Amino acid sequence: MEEILDATLELLDNCTCETSCTECLNHFHNQHLQHRLDRHLGATLLRYAIRGEIPACSPGTDQLVTLAQLRASLELAG
């Protein structure tokens, strides 16, 4: 599992797209969510989960955008 998580983090960190693409996160089964995917946020969360690295706070305006996406996802999930 450690190798899979490390490889996933490397993939997210080294992709050259802005938020997500078919090389890092996008695939057929998540096409309805692709506009909400963010490889940078995913890498930050993964780093916290596997290494315990506490993420730095982003500016308030960036937080509003990220939290709006989370809220929309949670609303979809009920």
C-alpha atoms as a PDB file:
ATOM      1  CA  MET A   1       0.000   0.000   0.000  1.00  0.00           C
ATOM      2  CA  GLU A   2       2.868   2.356   0.800  1.00  0.00           C
ATOM      3  CA  GLU A   3       4.261   1.975  -2.733  1.00  0.00           C
ATOM      4  CA  ILE A   4       0.851   2.727  -4.252  1.00  0.00           C
ATOM      5  CA  LEU A   5       0.375   5.865  -2.137  1.00  0.00           C
ATOM      6  CA  ASP A   6       3.909   7.093  -2.880  1.00  0.00           C
ATOM      7  CA  ALA A   7       3.413   6.486  -6.617  1.00  0.00           C
ATOM      8  CA  THR A   8       0.083   8.322  -6.497  1.00  0.00           C
ATOM      9  CA  LEU A   9       1.663  11.293  -4.755  1.00  0.00           C
ATOM     10  CA  GLU A  10       4.482  11.364  -7.300  1.00  0.00           C
ATOM     11  CA  LEU A  11       1.942  11.277 -10.131  1.00  0.00           C
ATOM     12  CA  LEU A  12      -0.039  14.172  -8.651  1.00  0.00           C
ATOM     13  CA  ASP A  13       3.072  16.239  -7.926  1.00  0.00           C
ATOM     14  CA  ASN A  14       4.697  15.727 -11.323  1.00  0.00           C
ATOM     15  CA  CYS A  15       1.750  16.204 -13.651  1.00  0.00           C
ATOM     16  CA  THR A  16       1.938  19.408 -15.679  1.00  0.00           C
ATOM     17  CA  CYS A  17      -1.781  20.160 -15.872  1.00  0.00           C
ATOM     18  CA  GLU A  18      -3.399  23.018 -13.960  1.00  0.00           C
ATOM     19  CA  THR A  19      -5.945  21.060 -11.904  1.00  0.00           C
ATOM     20  CA  SER A  20      -6.640  17.613 -13.398  1.00  0.00           C
ATOM     21  CA  CYS A  21      -6.293  15.724 -16.646  1.00  0.00           C
ATOM     22  CA  THR A  22      -6.400  12.180 -18.024  1.00  0.00           C
ATOM     23  CA  GLU A  23      -2.764  11.728 -17.023  1.00  0.00           C
ATOM     24  CA  CYS A  24      -3.404  12.236 -13.297  1.00  0.00           C
ATOM     25  CA  LEU A  25      -7.045  12.164 -12.117  1.00  0.00           C
ATOM     26  CA  ASN A  26      -9.621  12.198 -14.886  1.00  0.00           C
ATOM     27  CA  HIS A  27     -11.162   9.017 -16.236  1.00  0.00           C
ATOM     28  CA  PHE A  28     -14.497   7.879 -17.629  1.00  0.00           C
ATOM     29  CA  HIS A  29     -16.033   6.986 -14.262  1.00  0.00           C
ATOM     30  CA  ASN A  30     -15.500  10.422 -12.707  1.00  0.00           C
ATOM     31  CA  GLN A  31     -16.378  12.534 -15.726  1.00  0.00           C
ATOM     32  CA  HIS A  32     -19.310  14.177 -13.910  1.00  0.00           C
ATOM     33  CA  LEU A  33     -16.923  15.416 -11.170  1.00  0.00           C
ATOM     34  CA  GLN A  34     -13.883  16.395 -13.229  1.00  0.00           C
ATOM     35  CA  HIS A  35     -14.563  20.126 -12.963  1.00  0.00           C
ATOM     36  CA  ARG A  36     -14.157  19.757  -9.166  1.00  0.00           C
ATOM     37  CA  LEU A  37     -10.942  17.712  -9.143  1.00  0.00           C
ATOM     38  CA  ASP A  38      -7.719  19.420  -8.080  1.00  0.00           C
ATOM     39  CA  ARG A  39      -4.481  17.456  -8.150  1.00  0.00           C
ATOM     40  CA  HIS A  40      -2.744  20.012  -5.925  1.00  0.00           C
ATOM     41  CA  LEU A  41      -5.358  19.649  -3.196  1.00  0.00           C
ATOM     42  CA  GLY A  42      -5.284  15.865  -3.603  1.00  0.00           C
ATOM     43  CA  ALA A  43      -1.507  15.819  -3.192  1.00  0.00           C
ATOM     44  CA  THR A  44      -1.760  18.000  -0.088  1.00  0.00           C
ATOM     45  CA  LEU A  45      -4.341  15.695   1.483  1.00  0.00           C
ATOM     46  CA  LEU A  46      -2.349  12.600   0.550  1.00  0.00           C
ATOM     47  CA  ARG A  47       0.845  14.066   2.035  1.00  0.00           C
ATOM     48  CA  TYR A  48      -1.051  14.668   5.274  1.00  0.00           C
ATOM     49  CA  ALA A  49      -2.520  11.159   5.271  1.00  0.00           C
ATOM     50  CA  ILE A  50       0.708   9.248   4.603  1.00  0.00           C
ATOM     51  CA  ARG A  51       3.368  11.543   6.082  1.00  0.00           C
ATOM     52  CA  GLY A  52       1.500  13.643   8.609  1.00  0.00           C
ATOM     53  CA  GLU A  53       2.589  16.869   6.859  1.00  0.00           C
ATOM     54  CA  ILE A  54       0.256  19.605   8.047  1.00  0.00           C
ATOM     55  CA  PRO A  55      -0.732  21.791   5.099  1.00  0.00           C
ATOM     56  CA  ALA A  56      -0.115  25.523   5.202  1.00  0.00           C
ATOM     57  CA  CYS A  57      -3.171  27.735   5.156  1.00  0.00           C
ATOM     58  CA  SER A  58      -3.945  29.260   1.800  1.00  0.00           C
ATOM     59  CA  PRO A  59      -5.351  32.788   1.406  1.00  0.00           C
ATOM     60  CA  GLY A  60      -8.997  33.228   2.381  1.00  0.00           C
ATOM     61  CA  THR A  61     -10.151  33.671  -1.218  1.00  0.00           C
ATOM     62  CA  ASP A  62      -8.555  30.352  -2.201  1.00  0.00           C
ATOM     63  CA  GLN A  63     -10.174  28.675   0.790  1.00  0.00           C
ATOM     64  CA  LEU A  64     -13.594  29.942  -0.288  1.00  0.00           C
ATOM     65  CA  VAL A  65     -13.187  28.360  -3.724  1.00  0.00           C
ATOM     66  CA  THR A  66     -11.985  25.039  -2.298  1.00  0.00           C
ATOM     67  CA  LEU A  67     -14.689  24.895   0.355  1.00  0.00           C
ATOM     68  CA  ALA A  68     -17.376  25.743  -2.200  1.00  0.00           C
ATOM     69  CA  GLN A  69     -16.303  22.694  -4.205  1.00  0.00           C
ATOM     70  CA  LEU A  70     -16.373  20.531  -1.076  1.00  0.00           C
ATOM     71  CA  ARG A  71     -19.805  21.847  -0.160  1.00  0.00           C
ATOM     72  CA  ALA A  72     -21.167  21.045  -3.616  1.00  0.00           C
ATOM     73  CA  SER A  73     -19.746  17.515  -3.407  1.00  0.00           C
ATOM     74  CA  LEU A  74     -21.252  16.969   0.030  1.00  0.00           C
ATOM     75  CA  GLU A  75     -24.629  18.250  -1.159  1.00  0.00           C
ATOM     76  CA  LEU A  76     -24.534  15.729  -3.996  1.00  0.00           C
ATOM     77  CA  ALA A  77     -23.783  12.980  -1.502  1.00  0.00           C
ATOM     78  CA  GLY A  78     -26.783  14.009   0.614  1.00  0.00           C
END
